[in-house]
Amino acid sequence: MLPTYKSTLLQVKAQRIIRTHIVKLLSTFDLSLSEWIILGNLHERGGVRLADIANLLSVEAPLVTSLVVKLQKRGYLEHKIDPFDKRAKLIALTKKAKTLVPKVEREMKKELRFATGFINEKEYAVYLQVLEAIVAKFPDVKVTQTSLKDS
């Protein structure tokens, strides 16, 4: 087994390499990593509350509010009334965003295949399972605004 300093260095380098590829691709769509996660999640789930987005990103609500406002100004998000609670508002994708998300997803899959294509599918699936297990072990960990910066 590797010493912890070497395993930590490997993890950091791998994360930076993958993140660099992803951030570069997203910049061609004028999106940050956090914005893409929000748009992709809303595409999958439909309308959600602001608190749900904050929980997904493991951040505090004020950071999500600023991201949502930026995405609204660019025409990607809109507010809707929650059909189950007329007092609550949901964040949902606009038609513009519903068109954009599948395009970005196609390009992201291509980029991730490029960045990880030398790893076979079984190894990649195990890699993702390990990441999911780590995240599941610490569900209440919140990310600070500084550590979530995309650029």
Protein backbone atom coordinates (compact mmCIF):
# COMPACT_ATOMS: atom_id res chain seq x y z
CA MET A 1 0.00 0.00 0.00
CA LEU A 2 1.17 3.52 -0.81
CA PRO A 3 2.11 5.93 1.97
CA THR A 4 -0.70 8.40 2.65
CA TYR A 5 1.18 11.37 1.21
CA LYS A 6 1.51 9.52 -2.12
CA SER A 7 -2.12 8.35 -2.20
CA THR A 8 -3.26 11.87 -1.32
CA LEU A 9 -1.12 13.32 -4.08
CA LEU A 10 -2.56 10.84 -6.59
CA GLN A 11 -6.11 11.71 -5.57
CA VAL A 12 -5.46 15.44 -5.84
CA LYS A 13 -3.74 15.13 -9.23
CA ALA A 14 -6.48 12.90 -10.66
CA GLN A 15 -9.19 15.25 -9.42
CA ARG A 16 -7.39 18.26 -10.93
CA ILE A 17 -6.91 16.53 -14.30
CA ILE A 18 -10.56 15.49 -14.59
CA ARG A 19 -11.83 18.83 -13.25
CA THR A 20 -9.64 20.74 -15.73
CA HIS A 21 -11.11 18.81 -18.66
CA ILE A 22 -14.66 19.31 -17.40
CA VAL A 23 -14.28 23.01 -16.58
CA LYS A 24 -12.68 23.69 -19.97
CA LEU A 25 -15.55 22.01 -21.79
CA LEU A 26 -18.20 23.73 -19.69
CA SER A 27 -16.60 27.09 -20.41
CA THR A 28 -17.46 26.60 -24.09
CA PHE A 29 -21.10 26.66 -22.97
CA ASP A 30 -20.42 29.58 -20.60
CA LEU A 31 -21.23 27.38 -17.60
CA SER A 32 -19.40 26.76 -14.34
CA LEU A 33 -19.20 23.34 -12.78
CA SER A 34 -21.72 24.26 -10.07
CA GLU A 35 -24.12 25.70 -12.65
CA TRP A 36 -23.89 22.49 -14.70
CA ILE A 37 -24.64 20.36 -11.66
CA ILE A 38 -27.72 22.46 -10.92
CA LEU A 39 -28.97 22.38 -14.52
CA GLY A 40 -28.34 18.66 -14.90
CA ASN A 41 -30.09 17.85 -11.64
CA LEU A 42 -33.10 19.99 -12.52
CA HIS A 43 -33.27 18.33 -15.94
CA GLU A 44 -33.46 14.96 -14.22
CA ARG A 45 -35.75 15.88 -11.33
CA GLY A 46 -37.91 18.71 -12.61
CA GLY A 47 -38.72 21.57 -10.25
CA VAL A 48 -37.05 21.55 -6.84
CA ARG A 49 -36.79 23.84 -3.87
CA LEU A 50 -33.73 25.96 -3.28
CA ALA A 51 -32.95 23.95 -0.13
CA ASP A 52 -32.87 20.74 -2.21
CA ILE A 53 -30.22 22.25 -4.47
CA ALA A 54 -28.20 23.36 -1.44
CA ASN A 55 -28.36 19.83 -0.04
CA LEU A 56 -27.34 18.34 -3.37
CA LEU A 57 -24.26 20.57 -3.54
CA SER A 58 -23.64 20.26 0.22
CA VAL A 59 -23.51 24.03 0.57
CA GLU A 60 -25.42 26.72 2.41
CA ALA A 61 -28.49 28.30 0.79
CA PRO A 62 -26.94 31.79 0.17
CA LEU A 63 -24.38 30.33 -2.23
CA VAL A 64 -27.13 28.50 -4.13
CA THR A 65 -29.21 31.66 -4.25
CA SER A 66 -26.43 33.55 -6.04
CA LEU A 67 -25.95 30.68 -8.53
CA VAL A 68 -29.69 30.46 -9.19
CA VAL A 69 -29.97 34.23 -9.71
CA LYS A 70 -27.12 34.12 -12.26
CA LEU A 71 -28.78 31.24 -14.12
CA GLN A 72 -32.13 33.06 -14.06
CA LYS A 73 -30.59 36.21 -15.54
CA ARG A 74 -29.19 34.10 -18.37
CA GLY A 75 -32.62 32.63 -19.07
CA TYR A 76 -31.99 29.09 -17.82
CA LEU A 77 -34.14 28.99 -14.67
CA GLU A 78 -37.57 30.16 -13.62
CA HIS A 79 -39.69 30.04 -10.47
CA LYS A 80 -42.85 27.95 -10.35
CA ILE A 81 -45.43 27.44 -7.64
CA ASP A 82 -45.16 24.08 -5.88
CA PRO A 83 -48.37 22.21 -6.78
CA PHE A 84 -48.36 20.54 -3.34
CA ASP A 85 -47.72 23.71 -1.33
CA LYS A 86 -48.97 26.92 -2.96
CA ARG A 87 -46.82 28.98 -0.57
CA ALA A 88 -43.58 27.38 -1.77
CA LYS A 89 -41.62 28.16 -4.91
CA LEU A 90 -39.77 25.65 -7.04
CA ILE A 91 -36.80 26.30 -9.28
CA ALA A 92 -37.27 24.81 -12.76
CA LEU A 93 -35.58 24.82 -16.15
CA THR A 94 -36.76 27.10 -18.91
CA LYS A 95 -37.21 25.84 -22.48
CA LYS A 96 -33.81 27.33 -23.29
CA ALA A 97 -32.17 25.22 -20.58
CA LYS A 98 -34.11 22.10 -21.55
CA THR A 99 -32.57 22.42 -25.00
CA LEU A 100 -29.08 23.14 -23.68
CA VAL A 101 -28.75 20.33 -21.12
CA PRO A 102 -28.81 17.38 -23.57
CA LYS A 103 -26.18 19.10 -25.74
CA VAL A 104 -23.89 19.66 -22.76
CA GLU A 105 -24.48 16.11 -21.53
CA ARG A 106 -23.43 14.65 -24.90
CA GLU A 107 -20.25 16.71 -24.94
CA MET A 108 -19.50 15.94 -21.28
CA LYS A 109 -19.75 12.21 -21.95
CA LYS A 110 -17.33 12.56 -24.85
CA GLU A 111 -14.90 14.56 -22.71
CA LEU A 112 -15.05 12.10 -19.82
CA ARG A 113 -14.45 9.21 -22.24
CA PHE A 114 -11.41 11.11 -23.50
CA ALA A 115 -10.13 11.81 -19.98
CA THR A 116 -10.80 8.30 -18.66
CA GLY A 117 -11.00 6.24 -21.85
CA PHE A 118 -7.87 4.27 -21.05
CA ILE A 119 -9.72 2.76 -18.06
CA ASN A 120 -12.09 -0.07 -18.93
CA GLU A 121 -15.78 0.25 -18.04
CA LYS A 122 -15.59 -2.16 -15.11
CA GLU A 123 -12.69 -0.25 -13.51
CA TYR A 124 -14.48 3.06 -14.09
CA ALA A 125 -17.65 1.68 -12.47
CA VAL A 126 -15.61 0.61 -9.42
CA TYR A 127 -14.00 4.07 -9.29
CA LEU A 128 -17.46 5.69 -9.24
CA GLN A 129 -18.65 3.24 -6.57
CA VAL A 130 -15.70 4.19 -4.37
CA LEU A 131 -16.50 7.89 -4.81
CA GLU A 132 -20.17 7.25 -3.98
CA ALA A 133 -19.16 5.30 -0.86
CA ILE A 134 -16.90 8.12 0.34
CA VAL A 135 -19.61 10.73 -0.19
CA ALA A 136 -22.26 8.52 1.48
CA LYS A 137 -20.03 8.06 4.54
CA PHE A 138 -20.01 11.83 5.18
CA PRO A 139 -23.48 13.07 4.14
CA ASP A 140 -23.50 16.12 6.40
CA VAL A 141 -20.21 17.62 5.25
CA LYS A 142 -20.82 21.09 3.83
CA VAL A 143 -18.55 22.63 1.25
CA THR A 144 -17.38 26.17 1.88
CA GLN A 145 -17.91 28.86 -0.73
CA THR A 146 -14.15 29.10 -1.26
CA SER A 147 -13.74 25.38 -1.96
CA LEU A 148 -16.60 25.36 -4.47
CA LYS A 149 -15.11 27.97 -6.81
CA ASP A 150 -14.93 26.73 -10.37
CA SER A 151 -12.34 28.91 -12.01
